Amino acid sequence: MTYDELIERLDPAVYQSLKLAIELGKWPDGRKVSDEQRSTCMEAVLYYETKHNIPESERVGYIDRNKSGGGAQGPDDETSTIRILN
């Protein structure tokens, strides 16, 4: 099975679990996620989102530069919201 086929068949629950492991830095059983595992998980999550046409606004790392209120200041001093893993 190729990496592409693996991502195509990845269960949405596993995708969510990978996102949570990246966010928390640990697996569901409490073991620490290593740097290499985190990198591999992030690659799989990003690839999954692309392959499964997840809307851009729902993807990991999405920055909404048009949203006002409670976010980091953008390069043009406009309010920005960064969507990390939820």
Protein backbone atom coordinates (compact mmCIF):
# COMPACT_ATOMS: atom_id res chain seq x y z
CA MET A 1 0.00 0.00 0.00
CA THR A 2 1.35 3.42 -0.92
CA TYR A 3 1.27 6.49 1.34
CA ASP A 4 -1.35 8.00 -0.97
CA GLU A 5 -3.58 4.92 -0.62
CA LEU A 6 -3.12 4.92 3.14
CA ILE A 7 -4.27 8.53 3.44
CA GLU A 8 -7.20 7.89 1.10
CA ARG A 9 -8.38 5.06 3.39
CA LEU A 10 -7.66 6.84 6.67
CA ASP A 11 -10.69 6.76 8.94
CA PRO A 12 -11.97 10.22 10.03
CA ALA A 13 -11.74 9.11 13.68
CA VAL A 14 -8.03 8.28 13.21
CA TYR A 15 -7.52 11.68 11.54
CA GLN A 16 -9.10 13.37 14.59
CA SER A 17 -6.96 11.23 16.91
CA LEU A 18 -3.79 12.27 15.07
CA LYS A 19 -4.78 15.94 15.36
CA LEU A 20 -5.37 15.52 19.09
CA ALA A 21 -2.03 13.74 19.58
CA ILE A 22 -0.27 16.62 17.83
CA GLU A 23 -2.13 19.19 19.91
CA LEU A 24 -1.61 17.50 23.28
CA GLY A 25 1.82 16.02 22.61
CA LYS A 26 0.72 12.59 23.83
CA TRP A 27 -1.10 9.52 22.60
CA PRO A 28 -4.51 8.49 24.01
CA ASP A 29 -2.73 6.04 26.35
CA GLY A 30 -0.63 8.87 27.80
CA ARG A 31 2.70 8.11 26.11
CA LYS A 32 4.62 11.14 24.84
CA VAL A 33 4.58 11.85 21.09
CA SER A 34 8.18 12.04 19.88
CA ASP A 35 9.34 14.84 17.57
CA GLU A 36 9.54 12.37 14.69
CA GLN A 37 6.03 11.06 15.39
CA ARG A 38 4.67 14.61 15.62
CA SER A 39 6.23 15.46 12.27
CA THR A 40 4.84 12.30 10.64
CA CYS A 41 1.39 12.90 12.14
CA MET A 42 1.36 16.52 10.97
CA GLU A 43 2.31 15.45 7.46
CA ALA A 44 -0.49 12.86 7.44
CA VAL A 45 -3.05 15.36 8.79
CA LEU A 46 -2.16 18.00 6.20
CA TYR A 47 -2.17 15.44 3.39
CA TYR A 48 -5.52 14.04 4.60
CA GLU A 49 -7.08 17.50 4.60
CA THR A 50 -5.94 18.10 1.04
CA LYS A 51 -6.99 14.67 -0.26
CA HIS A 52 -10.41 14.80 1.40
CA ASN A 53 -11.17 18.37 0.34
CA ILE A 54 -11.50 19.71 3.87
CA PRO A 55 -12.52 23.37 3.49
CA GLU A 56 -9.55 25.68 3.85
CA SER A 57 -11.15 27.45 6.81
CA GLU A 58 -11.28 24.12 8.71
CA ARG A 59 -7.69 23.05 8.03
CA VAL A 60 -4.86 22.96 10.53
CA GLY A 61 -2.92 26.22 10.45
CA TYR A 62 -5.66 28.24 8.75
CA ILE A 63 -5.37 31.99 9.38
CA ASP A 64 -8.56 34.02 9.02
CA ARG A 65 -7.36 37.53 8.28
CA ASN A 66 -10.89 38.90 7.89
CA LYS A 67 -12.29 37.94 11.28
CA SER A 68 -12.49 40.68 13.86
CA GLY A 69 -12.13 40.33 17.60
CA GLY A 70 -9.78 38.51 19.97
CA GLY A 71 -6.85 37.39 17.85
CA ALA A 72 -3.27 38.16 17.04
CA GLN A 73 -2.49 41.32 15.10
CA GLY A 74 -1.76 40.68 11.45
CA PRO A 75 0.92 42.31 9.31
CA ASP A 76 -1.40 45.18 8.36
CA ASP A 77 -2.52 45.71 11.97
CA GLU A 78 -5.79 43.96 11.15
CA THR A 79 -7.08 41.45 13.63
CA SER A 80 -6.34 37.86 12.61
CA THR A 81 -7.46 34.53 14.02
CA ILE A 82 -5.18 31.52 13.67
CA ARG A 83 -6.87 28.11 13.61
CA ILE A 84 -4.36 25.61 14.93
CA LEU A 85 -5.95 22.20 15.55
CA ASN A 86 -9.64 22.49 16.26
